Amino acid sequence: MRTQSDRVDAFRKRLRELGYVEGKNLIFELRELDNKADRLPDIMREIVQSNPAVIVTHGAGNQAARAATSTIPVVSAISDPIAEGLAASLARPGGNITGNAVILSLAYEKNIEILHEMVPKAGRVGLLTNPQRKTYETGKKLFEAAAASRRLKAVILQASGVQEISSAFAEAVAQRVDMLVVAPQDTFTNDPTLVVDLAARHRLPTIYSGDSSVAHGGLVFYGFSSAKLFGNAAVFVDRILKGRKPAELPFEQPTTFEMVVNMKTAKSLGLKIPQTVLIRADRVIE
């Protein structure tokens, strides 16, 4: 199971490999939300007031960092920095934010492909997404195009916060959704058990964007390795500490994606996972 601790460990490990020793040539401070998203703006302001050399963040932290500072370098992990208004371009960000960018079109195409192999008779595929995110319209169009390419009806299920996720699943049932894709947004990954439990309750085959979801009982995960992503964030930090400016550091796109399948969950859903899926899986949970 991948956790926040795993990501932090990967980040620290890569920093050590780059020659940094905490307490000697580096001071590392960790701030966590503990599932209290409403505290994020205050926490980010506190971080900025401490005047760090670099801020490393992801998810909702990207916009919070943007609102709090335009001068302190920020290393982020984000699905679309241009759509989010955090960069002028991937090649030349132009501001104080750089890092890793995950292209949604590729993720949605593969998510739907994998699920459709698992549920070949599916006619409707849902997308659980947060309409408050700046990437909402872009992601919606990309998802609908990916669904149409496989002759599937796309159903958009909105949840602006965790309190709306349950009603989004109820809407999925009402709309006769056969399988579900969870958008790569912190609304759904901060507490992976919530979405996993609802998917199990409604017996809805679901593919997740958070790699801890499958360990909690989710059916399948496909996406980037969060540990490797945070390890790469350390490389950005190193470049910045050595004098490079975020405005001139191109965003990098992850090249390593993983697929994890939970066979126990598949059996509980009455699904027979094709060998074409299993041979591509990086891990299979029995």
C-alpha atoms as a PDB file:
ATOM      1  CA  MET A   1       0.000   0.000   0.000  1.00  0.00           C
ATOM      2  CA  ARG A   2       1.350   3.390  -1.016  1.00  0.00           C
ATOM      3  CA  THR A   3       0.837   6.129   1.569  1.00  0.00           C
ATOM      4  CA  GLN A   4       1.839   9.727   2.124  1.00  0.00           C
ATOM      5  CA  SER A   5       4.748   8.345   4.158  1.00  0.00           C
ATOM      6  CA  ASP A   6       5.950   6.320   1.142  1.00  0.00           C
ATOM      7  CA  ARG A   7       6.010   9.454  -0.989  1.00  0.00           C
ATOM      8  CA  VAL A   8       7.897  11.431   1.630  1.00  0.00           C
ATOM      9  CA  ASP A   9      10.355   8.562   2.055  1.00  0.00           C
ATOM     10  CA  ALA A  10      10.954   8.458  -1.711  1.00  0.00           C
ATOM     11  CA  PHE A  11      11.522  12.212  -1.754  1.00  0.00           C
ATOM     12  CA  ARG A  12      13.983  12.094   1.149  1.00  0.00           C
ATOM     13  CA  LYS A  13      15.806   9.081  -0.298  1.00  0.00           C
ATOM     14  CA  ARG A  14      16.378  10.840  -3.617  1.00  0.00           C
ATOM     15  CA  LEU A  15      17.611  13.945  -1.817  1.00  0.00           C
ATOM     16  CA  ARG A  16      20.175  11.818   0.040  1.00  0.00           C
ATOM     17  CA  GLU A  17      21.278  10.304  -3.254  1.00  0.00           C
ATOM     18  CA  LEU A  18      21.803  13.835  -4.556  1.00  0.00           C
ATOM     19  CA  GLY A  19      24.109  14.623  -1.635  1.00  0.00           C
ATOM     20  CA  TYR A  20      21.795  16.323   0.854  1.00  0.00           C
ATOM     21  CA  VAL A  21      22.016  15.516   4.552  1.00  0.00           C
ATOM     22  CA  GLU A  22      19.221  16.793   6.756  1.00  0.00           C
ATOM     23  CA  GLY A  23      20.566  18.961   9.551  1.00  0.00           C
ATOM     24  CA  LYS A  24      23.818  19.643   7.706  1.00  0.00           C
ATOM     25  CA  ASN A  25      23.163  21.123   4.264  1.00  0.00           C
ATOM     26  CA  LEU A  26      19.366  20.823   4.262  1.00  0.00           C
ATOM     27  CA  ILE A  27      16.462  21.571   6.584  1.00  0.00           C
ATOM     28  CA  PHE A  28      13.313  19.632   5.683  1.00  0.00           C
ATOM     29  CA  GLU A  29       9.927  20.560   7.200  1.00  0.00           C
ATOM     30  CA  LEU A  30       6.820  18.442   6.593  1.00  0.00           C
ATOM     31  CA  ARG A  31       3.306  19.851   6.892  1.00  0.00           C
ATOM     32  CA  GLU A  32       0.272  17.561   6.635  1.00  0.00           C
ATOM     33  CA  LEU A  33      -3.444  18.355   6.382  1.00  0.00           C
ATOM     34  CA  ASP A  34      -4.750  15.300   8.232  1.00  0.00           C
ATOM     35  CA  ASN A  35      -7.838  15.369   5.943  1.00  0.00           C
ATOM     36  CA  LYS A  36      -8.639  18.961   6.931  1.00  0.00           C
ATOM     37  CA  ALA A  37      -8.602  20.641   3.528  1.00  0.00           C
ATOM     38  CA  ASP A  38     -10.103  23.849   4.913  1.00  0.00           C
ATOM     39  CA  ARG A  39      -6.817  24.496   6.737  1.00  0.00           C
ATOM     40  CA  LEU A  40      -4.746  24.438   3.551  1.00  0.00           C
ATOM     41  CA  PRO A  41      -4.693  28.213   2.827  1.00  0.00           C
ATOM     42  CA  ASP A  42      -3.613  28.973   6.401  1.00  0.00           C
ATOM     43  CA  ILE A  43      -0.939  26.266   6.359  1.00  0.00           C
ATOM     44  CA  MET A  44       0.432  27.523   3.044  1.00  0.00           C
ATOM     45  CA  ARG A  45       0.578  31.088   4.353  1.00  0.00           C
ATOM     46  CA  GLU A  46       2.522  29.847   7.380  1.00  0.00           C
ATOM     47  CA  ILE A  47       4.931  28.034   5.086  1.00  0.00           C
ATOM     48  CA  VAL A  48       5.470  31.146   2.972  1.00  0.00           C
ATOM     49  CA  GLN A  49       6.057  33.277   6.083  1.00  0.00           C
ATOM     50  CA  SER A  50       8.885  30.926   7.097  1.00  0.00           C
ATOM     51  CA  ASN A  51      10.566  31.864   3.781  1.00  0.00           C
ATOM     52  CA  PRO A  52      11.722  28.418   2.577  1.00  0.00           C
ATOM     53  CA  ALA A  53      14.094  28.038  -0.370  1.00  0.00           C
ATOM     54  CA  VAL A  54      11.601  25.717  -2.132  1.00  0.00           C
ATOM     55  CA  ILE A  55       8.040  24.498  -1.524  1.00  0.00           C
ATOM     56  CA  VAL A  56       7.068  20.996  -2.691  1.00  0.00           C
ATOM     57  CA  THR A  57       3.353  20.291  -3.029  1.00  0.00           C
ATOM     58  CA  HIS A  58       0.675  18.461  -5.028  1.00  0.00           C
ATOM     59  CA  GLY A  59      -3.090  18.310  -5.487  1.00  0.00           C
ATOM     60  CA  ALA A  60      -4.954  21.265  -3.984  1.00  0.00           C
ATOM     61  CA  GLY A  61      -1.631  22.493  -2.595  1.00  0.00           C
ATOM     62  CA  ASN A  62      -0.686  23.725  -6.067  1.00  0.00           C
ATOM     63  CA  GLN A  63      -3.374  26.426  -6.168  1.00  0.00           C
ATOM     64  CA  ALA A  64      -2.813  27.265  -2.497  1.00  0.00           C
ATOM     65  CA  ALA A  65       0.880  27.838  -3.205  1.00  0.00           C
ATOM     66  CA  ARG A  66       0.062  29.970  -6.228  1.00  0.00           C
ATOM     67  CA  ALA A  67      -2.258  32.129  -4.116  1.00  0.00           C
ATOM     68  CA  ALA A  68       0.283  32.474  -1.311  1.00  0.00           C
ATOM     69  CA  THR A  69       3.445  33.374  -3.248  1.00  0.00           C
ATOM     70  CA  SER A  70       4.675  34.419  -6.678  1.00  0.00           C
ATOM     71  CA  THR A  71       8.348  34.490  -5.719  1.00  0.00           C
ATOM     72  CA  ILE A  72       9.254  31.371  -3.714  1.00  0.00           C
ATOM     73  CA  PRO A  73      10.018  28.439  -6.079  1.00  0.00           C
ATOM     74  CA  VAL A  74       7.339  25.728  -6.033  1.00  0.00           C
ATOM     75  CA  VAL A  75       7.796  22.147  -7.235  1.00  0.00           C
ATOM     76  CA  SER A  76       4.438  20.540  -7.953  1.00  0.00           C
ATOM     77  CA  ALA A  77       2.739  17.429  -9.289  1.00  0.00           C
ATOM     78  CA  ILE A  78      -0.269  18.363 -11.403  1.00  0.00           C
ATOM     79  CA  SER A  79      -2.432  16.948 -14.184  1.00  0.00           C
ATOM     80  CA  ASP A  80      -2.433  20.027 -16.439  1.00  0.00           C
ATOM     81  CA  PRO A  81      -0.441  23.084 -15.287  1.00  0.00           C
ATOM     82  CA  ILE A  82      -1.571  25.164 -18.255  1.00  0.00           C
ATOM     83  CA  ALA A  83      -5.301  24.521 -17.724  1.00  0.00           C
ATOM     84  CA  GLU A  84      -4.816  25.133 -13.988  1.00  0.00           C
ATOM     85  CA  GLY A  85      -3.292  28.532 -14.782  1.00  0.00           C
ATOM     86  CA  LEU A  86       0.022  27.634 -13.146  1.00  0.00           C
ATOM     87  CA  ALA A  87       2.267  27.791 -16.220  1.00  0.00           C
ATOM     88  CA  ALA A  88       2.477  29.534 -19.577  1.00  0.00           C
ATOM     89  CA  SER A  89       3.698  26.334 -21.230  1.00  0.00           C
ATOM     90  CA  LEU A  90       5.220  22.991 -20.302  1.00  0.00           C
ATOM     91  CA  ALA A  91       8.544  23.928 -21.899  1.00  0.00           C
ATOM     92  CA  ARG A  92       8.840  27.366 -20.294  1.00  0.00           C
ATOM     93  CA  PRO A  93       6.549  27.688 -17.243  1.00  0.00           C
ATOM     94  CA  GLY A  94       7.304  31.401 -16.926  1.00  0.00           C
ATOM     95  CA  GLY A  95       6.493  31.745 -13.222  1.00  0.00           C
ATOM     96  CA  ASN A  96       7.618  30.326  -9.895  1.00  0.00           C
ATOM     97  CA  ILE A  97       6.041  26.860 -10.377  1.00  0.00           C
ATOM     98  CA  THR A  98       7.472  23.824 -12.164  1.00  0.00           C
ATOM     99  CA  GLY A  99       7.523  20.059 -11.631  1.00  0.00           C
ATOM    100  CA  ASN A 100       5.693  17.019 -13.005  1.00  0.00           C
ATOM    101  CA  ALA A 101       2.720  17.117 -15.377  1.00  0.00           C
ATOM    102  CA  VAL A 102       0.404  14.181 -16.108  1.00  0.00           C
ATOM    103  CA  ILE A 103      -1.488  14.382 -19.387  1.00  0.00           C
ATOM    104  CA  LEU A 104      -5.163  13.507 -18.818  1.00  0.00           C
ATOM    105  CA  SER A 105      -5.896  12.341 -22.369  1.00  0.00           C
ATOM    106  CA  LEU A 106      -3.462   9.438 -22.112  1.00  0.00           C
ATOM    107  CA  ALA A 107      -4.696   8.471 -18.638  1.00  0.00           C
ATOM    108  CA  TYR A 108      -8.378   8.437 -19.618  1.00  0.00           C
ATOM    109  CA  GLU A 109      -7.775   6.463 -22.815  1.00  0.00           C
ATOM    110  CA  LYS A 110      -5.919   3.747 -20.902  1.00  0.00           C
ATOM    111  CA  ASN A 111      -8.361   3.747 -17.968  1.00  0.00           C
ATOM    112  CA  ILE A 112     -11.332   3.155 -20.251  1.00  0.00           C
ATOM    113  CA  GLU A 113      -9.418   0.582 -22.310  1.00  0.00           C
ATOM    114  CA  ILE A 114      -8.503  -1.462 -19.216  1.00  0.00           C
ATOM    115  CA  LEU A 115     -11.991  -1.305 -17.698  1.00  0.00           C
ATOM    116  CA  HIS A 116     -13.657  -2.197 -20.990  1.00  0.00           C
ATOM    117  CA  GLU A 117     -11.509  -5.323 -21.240  1.00  0.00           C
ATOM    118  CA  MET A 118     -12.716  -6.272 -17.752  1.00  0.00           C
ATOM    119  CA  VAL A 119     -16.363  -5.408 -18.487  1.00  0.00           C
ATOM    120  CA  PRO A 120     -16.689  -6.065 -22.241  1.00  0.00           C
ATOM    121  CA  LYS A 121     -20.497  -5.783 -22.271  1.00  0.00           C
ATOM    122  CA  ALA A 122     -20.438  -2.296 -20.729  1.00  0.00           C
ATOM    123  CA  GLY A 123     -22.322   0.417 -22.563  1.00  0.00           C
ATOM    124  CA  ARG A 124     -21.933   3.325 -20.130  1.00  0.00           C
ATOM    125  CA  VAL A 125     -18.792   4.553 -18.403  1.00  0.00           C
ATOM    126  CA  GLY A 126     -18.858   7.159 -15.670  1.00  0.00           C
ATOM    127  CA  LEU A 127     -16.266   9.733 -14.633  1.00  0.00           C
ATOM    128  CA  LEU A 128     -16.215  10.789 -10.981  1.00  0.00           C
ATOM    129  CA  THR A 129     -14.810  14.325 -11.070  1.00  0.00           C
ATOM    130  CA  ASN A 130     -14.771  17.607  -9.170  1.00  0.00           C
ATOM    131  CA  PRO A 131     -16.422  20.426 -11.195  1.00  0.00           C
ATOM    132  CA  GLN A 132     -14.614  23.042  -9.101  1.00  0.00           C
ATOM    133  CA  ARG A 133     -11.230  22.063 -10.507  1.00  0.00           C
ATOM    134  CA  LYS A 134      -9.921  24.286 -13.301  1.00  0.00           C
ATOM    135  CA  THR A 135      -9.208  21.193 -15.396  1.00  0.00           C
ATOM    136  CA  TYR A 136     -12.851  20.085 -15.205  1.00  0.00           C
ATOM    137  CA  GLU A 137     -13.980  21.185 -18.686  1.00  0.00           C
ATOM    138  CA  THR A 138     -10.783  19.976 -20.342  1.00  0.00           C
ATOM    139  CA  GLY A 139     -10.922  16.637 -18.535  1.00  0.00           C
ATOM    140  CA  LYS A 140     -14.619  16.214 -19.321  1.00  0.00           C
ATOM    141  CA  LYS A 141     -14.047  16.686 -23.060  1.00  0.00           C
ATOM    142  CA  LEU A 142     -11.048  14.334 -23.073  1.00  0.00           C
ATOM    143  CA  PHE A 143     -12.996  11.671 -21.195  1.00  0.00           C
ATOM    144  CA  GLU A 144     -16.010  11.952 -23.494  1.00  0.00           C
ATOM    145  CA  ALA A 145     -13.754  11.658 -26.547  1.00  0.00           C
ATOM    146  CA  ALA A 146     -12.009   8.594 -25.090  1.00  0.00           C
ATOM    147  CA  ALA A 147     -15.380   6.962 -24.331  1.00  0.00           C
ATOM    148  CA  ALA A 148     -16.732   7.753 -27.802  1.00  0.00           C
ATOM    149  CA  SER A 149     -13.674   6.152 -29.411  1.00  0.00           C
ATOM    150  CA  ARG A 150     -14.794   2.852 -27.856  1.00  0.00           C
ATOM    151  CA  ARG A 151     -18.477   3.492 -28.636  1.00  0.00           C
ATOM    152  CA  LEU A 152     -19.342   3.981 -24.976  1.00  0.00           C
ATOM    153  CA  LYS A 153     -21.767   6.496 -23.484  1.00  0.00           C
ATOM    154  CA  ALA A 154     -19.928   8.874 -21.141  1.00  0.00           C
ATOM    155  CA  VAL A 155     -21.690   9.875 -17.905  1.00  0.00           C
ATOM    156  CA  ILE A 156     -20.167  12.726 -15.883  1.00  0.00           C
ATOM    157  CA  LEU A 157     -20.643  12.379 -12.103  1.00  0.00           C
ATOM    158  CA  GLN A 158     -19.861  15.513 -10.121  1.00  0.00           C
ATOM    159  CA  ALA A 159     -18.640  15.806  -6.545  1.00  0.00           C
ATOM    160  CA  SER A 160     -17.275  19.171  -5.395  1.00  0.00           C
ATOM    161  CA  GLY A 161     -16.194  17.683  -2.063  1.00  0.00           C
ATOM    162  CA  VAL A 162     -16.164  14.432  -0.126  1.00  0.00           C
ATOM    163  CA  GLN A 163     -19.660  15.143   1.192  1.00  0.00           C
ATOM    164  CA  GLU A 164     -21.040  14.851  -2.373  1.00  0.00           C
ATOM    165  CA  ILE A 165     -19.343  11.596  -3.362  1.00  0.00           C
ATOM    166  CA  SER A 166     -22.130   9.389  -2.006  1.00  0.00           C
ATOM    167  CA  SER A 167     -24.765  11.232  -4.061  1.00  0.00           C
ATOM    168  CA  ALA A 168     -22.526  10.952  -7.136  1.00  0.00           C
ATOM    169  CA  PHE A 169     -22.582   7.168  -6.750  1.00  0.00           C
ATOM    170  CA  ALA A 170     -26.357   7.264  -6.376  1.00  0.00           C
ATOM    171  CA  GLU A 171     -26.493   9.187  -9.650  1.00  0.00           C
ATOM    172  CA  ALA A 172     -24.254   6.543 -11.256  1.00  0.00           C
ATOM    173  CA  VAL A 173     -26.815   3.902 -10.319  1.00  0.00           C
ATOM    174  CA  ALA A 174     -29.678   6.056 -11.597  1.00  0.00           C
ATOM    175  CA  GLN A 175     -27.840   6.592 -14.893  1.00  0.00           C
ATOM    176  CA  ARG A 176     -27.156   2.826 -15.211  1.00  0.00           C
ATOM    177  CA  VAL A 177     -23.393   3.275 -15.292  1.00  0.00           C
ATOM    178  CA  ASP A 178     -21.625  -0.056 -15.937  1.00  0.00           C
ATOM    179  CA  MET A 179     -18.101   0.981 -14.897  1.00  0.00           C
ATOM    180  CA  LEU A 180     -16.440   3.996 -13.340  1.00  0.00           C
ATOM    181  CA  VAL A 181     -13.236   6.010 -13.764  1.00  0.00           C
ATOM    182  CA  VAL A 182     -12.081   8.132 -10.816  1.00  0.00           C
ATOM    183  CA  ALA A 183     -10.417  11.398 -11.859  1.00  0.00           C
ATOM    184  CA  PRO A 184      -6.863  12.058 -10.601  1.00  0.00           C
ATOM    185  CA  GLN A 185      -7.950  14.655  -8.054  1.00  0.00           C
ATOM    186  CA  ASP A 186      -7.162  14.916  -4.360  1.00  0.00           C
ATOM    187  CA  THR A 187     -10.910  15.098  -3.622  1.00  0.00           C
ATOM    188  CA  PHE A 188     -10.972  11.336  -4.239  1.00  0.00           C
ATOM    189  CA  THR A 189      -7.440  10.254  -3.301  1.00  0.00           C
ATOM    190  CA  ASN A 190      -6.964  11.889   0.112  1.00  0.00           C
ATOM    191  CA  ASP A 191      -9.253   9.278   1.697  1.00  0.00           C
ATOM    192  CA  PRO A 192      -9.175   6.284  -0.663  1.00  0.00           C
ATOM    193  CA  THR A 193     -11.420   4.120   1.517  1.00  0.00           C
ATOM    194  CA  LEU A 194     -14.470   6.332   0.953  1.00  0.00           C
ATOM    195  CA  VAL A 195     -14.667   5.821  -2.818  1.00  0.00           C
ATOM    196  CA  VAL A 196     -13.581   2.178  -2.576  1.00  0.00           C
ATOM    197  CA  ASP A 197     -16.318   1.390  -0.044  1.00  0.00           C
ATOM    198  CA  LEU A 198     -18.998   3.076  -2.153  1.00  0.00           C
ATOM    199  CA  ALA A 199     -17.873   1.238  -5.287  1.00  0.00           C
ATOM    200  CA  ALA A 200     -18.085  -2.060  -3.381  1.00  0.00           C
ATOM    201  CA  ARG A 201     -21.508  -1.218  -1.945  1.00  0.00           C
ATOM    202  CA  HIS A 202     -22.887  -0.443  -5.409  1.00  0.00           C
ATOM    203  CA  ARG A 203     -20.967  -3.321  -7.049  1.00  0.00           C
ATOM    204  CA  LEU A 204     -19.506  -0.921  -9.590  1.00  0.00           C
ATOM    205  CA  PRO A 205     -16.247  -1.923 -11.341  1.00  0.00           C
ATOM    206  CA  THR A 206     -13.975   1.072 -10.782  1.00  0.00           C
ATOM    207  CA  ILE A 207     -10.495   2.129 -11.868  1.00  0.00           C
ATOM    208  CA  TYR A 208      -8.624   4.485  -9.550  1.00  0.00           C
ATOM    209  CA  SER A 209      -6.051   7.241  -9.952  1.00  0.00           C
ATOM    210  CA  GLY A 210      -4.558   6.789  -6.470  1.00  0.00           C
ATOM    211  CA  ASP A 211      -2.224   3.845  -6.042  1.00  0.00           C
ATOM    212  CA  SER A 212      -3.306   3.174  -2.445  1.00  0.00           C
ATOM    213  CA  SER A 213      -6.918   2.513  -3.492  1.00  0.00           C
ATOM    214  CA  VAL A 214      -6.330  -1.045  -4.700  1.00  0.00           C
ATOM    215  CA  ALA A 215      -4.647  -1.987  -1.428  1.00  0.00           C
ATOM    216  CA  HIS A 216      -7.811  -0.782   0.324  1.00  0.00           C
ATOM    217  CA  GLY A 217      -9.964  -3.082  -1.848  1.00  0.00           C
ATOM    218  CA  GLY A 218     -10.326  -1.151  -5.103  1.00  0.00           C
ATOM    219  CA  LEU A 219     -10.549  -3.189  -8.321  1.00  0.00           C
ATOM    220  CA  VAL A 220      -7.764  -1.707 -10.418  1.00  0.00           C
ATOM    221  CA  PHE A 221      -5.294   1.164 -10.452  1.00  0.00           C
ATOM    222  CA  TYR A 222      -3.605   2.615 -13.507  1.00  0.00           C
ATOM    223  CA  GLY A 223      -1.434   5.683 -13.315  1.00  0.00           C
ATOM    224  CA  PHE A 224       1.949   7.089 -12.496  1.00  0.00           C
ATOM    225  CA  SER A 225       4.060   5.810  -9.640  1.00  0.00           C
ATOM    226  CA  SER A 226       3.614   8.415  -6.903  1.00  0.00           C
ATOM    227  CA  ALA A 227       6.862   7.316  -5.229  1.00  0.00           C
ATOM    228  CA  LYS A 228       8.812   7.891  -8.436  1.00  0.00           C
ATOM    229  CA  LEU A 229       6.997  11.174  -8.977  1.00  0.00           C
ATOM    230  CA  PHE A 230       8.087  12.454  -5.569  1.00  0.00           C
ATOM    231  CA  GLY A 231      11.575  11.134  -6.166  1.00  0.00           C
ATOM    232  CA  ASN A 232      11.686  13.234  -9.317  1.00  0.00           C
ATOM    233  CA  ALA A 233      10.467  16.239  -7.325  1.00  0.00           C
ATOM    234  CA  ALA A 234      13.736  15.996  -5.374  1.00  0.00           C
ATOM    235  CA  VAL A 235      15.637  16.394  -8.656  1.00  0.00           C
ATOM    236  CA  PHE A 236      13.758  19.640  -9.320  1.00  0.00           C
ATOM    237  CA  VAL A 237      14.580  20.838  -5.800  1.00  0.00           C
ATOM    238  CA  ASP A 238      18.257  20.089  -6.398  1.00  0.00           C
ATOM    239  CA  ARG A 239      18.285  22.080  -9.641  1.00  0.00           C
ATOM    240  CA  ILE A 240      16.605  25.044  -7.975  1.00  0.00           C
ATOM    241  CA  LEU A 241      18.930  25.013  -4.969  1.00  0.00           C
ATOM    242  CA  LYS A 242      21.840  25.056  -7.415  1.00  0.00           C
ATOM    243  CA  GLY A 243      20.568  28.218  -9.051  1.00  0.00           C
ATOM    244  CA  ARG A 244      18.061  27.229 -11.735  1.00  0.00           C
ATOM    245  CA  LYS A 245      14.858  29.278 -11.950  1.00  0.00           C
ATOM    246  CA  PRO A 246      11.442  27.538 -12.058  1.00  0.00           C
ATOM    247  CA  ALA A 247      10.384  29.810 -14.927  1.00  0.00           C
ATOM    248  CA  GLU A 248      13.042  28.175 -17.107  1.00  0.00           C
ATOM    249  CA  LEU A 249      12.712  24.569 -15.871  1.00  0.00           C
ATOM    250  CA  PRO A 250      10.374  22.603 -18.172  1.00  0.00           C
ATOM    251  CA  PHE A 251       7.628  20.501 -16.637  1.00  0.00           C
ATOM    252  CA  GLU A 252       8.403  16.795 -17.036  1.00  0.00           C
ATOM    253  CA  GLN A 253       5.874  14.113 -17.896  1.00  0.00           C
ATOM    254  CA  PRO A 254       6.115  10.756 -16.086  1.00  0.00           C
ATOM    255  CA  THR A 255       7.232   7.905 -18.322  1.00  0.00           C
ATOM    256  CA  THR A 256       6.599   5.127 -15.797  1.00  0.00           C
ATOM    257  CA  PHE A 257       3.000   4.055 -15.312  1.00  0.00           C
ATOM    258  CA  GLU A 258       1.793   1.165 -13.192  1.00  0.00           C
ATOM    259  CA  MET A 259      -1.207  -1.131 -13.216  1.00  0.00           C
ATOM    260  CA  VAL A 260      -2.327  -3.026 -10.127  1.00  0.00           C
ATOM    261  CA  VAL A 261      -5.264  -5.469 -10.101  1.00  0.00           C
ATOM    262  CA  ASN A 262      -7.076  -6.755  -7.015  1.00  0.00           C
ATOM    263  CA  MET A 263      -8.252 -10.270  -7.849  1.00  0.00           C
ATOM    264  CA  LYS A 264     -10.201 -10.650  -4.615  1.00  0.00           C
ATOM    265  CA  THR A 265     -12.310  -7.627  -5.526  1.00  0.00           C
ATOM    266  CA  ALA A 266     -12.737  -8.900  -9.083  1.00  0.00           C
ATOM    267  CA  LYS A 267     -14.124 -12.184  -7.766  1.00  0.00           C
ATOM    268  CA  SER A 268     -16.511 -10.366  -5.416  1.00  0.00           C
ATOM    269  CA  LEU A 269     -17.848  -8.478  -8.453  1.00  0.00           C
ATOM    270  CA  GLY A 270     -18.161 -11.666 -10.483  1.00  0.00           C
ATOM    271  CA  LEU A 271     -15.549 -10.497 -12.994  1.00  0.00           C
ATOM    272  CA  LYS A 272     -13.176 -12.795 -14.820  1.00  0.00           C
ATOM    273  CA  ILE A 273     -10.061 -10.741 -15.519  1.00  0.00           C
ATOM    274  CA  PRO A 274      -8.714 -11.473 -19.030  1.00  0.00           C
ATOM    275  CA  GLN A 275      -5.135 -12.644 -19.418  1.00  0.00           C
ATOM    276  CA  THR A 276      -4.548  -9.643 -21.674  1.00  0.00           C
ATOM    277  CA  VAL A 277      -4.993  -7.468 -18.562  1.00  0.00           C
ATOM    278  CA  LEU A 278      -3.129  -9.683 -16.113  1.00  0.00           C
ATOM    279  CA  ILE A 279       0.012  -9.968 -18.229  1.00  0.00           C
ATOM    280  CA  ARG A 280       0.221  -6.174 -18.346  1.00  0.00           C
ATOM    281  CA  ALA A 281      -0.244  -5.731 -14.612  1.00  0.00           C
ATOM    282  CA  ASP A 282       2.780  -4.712 -12.565  1.00  0.00           C
ATOM    283  CA  ARG A 283       1.217  -6.238  -9.454  1.00  0.00           C
ATOM    284  CA  VAL A 284      -1.692  -8.588  -8.789  1.00  0.00           C
ATOM    285  CA  ILE A 285      -3.245  -8.695  -5.323  1.00  0.00           C
ATOM    286  CA  GLU A 286      -4.714 -12.131  -4.585  1.00  0.00           C
END
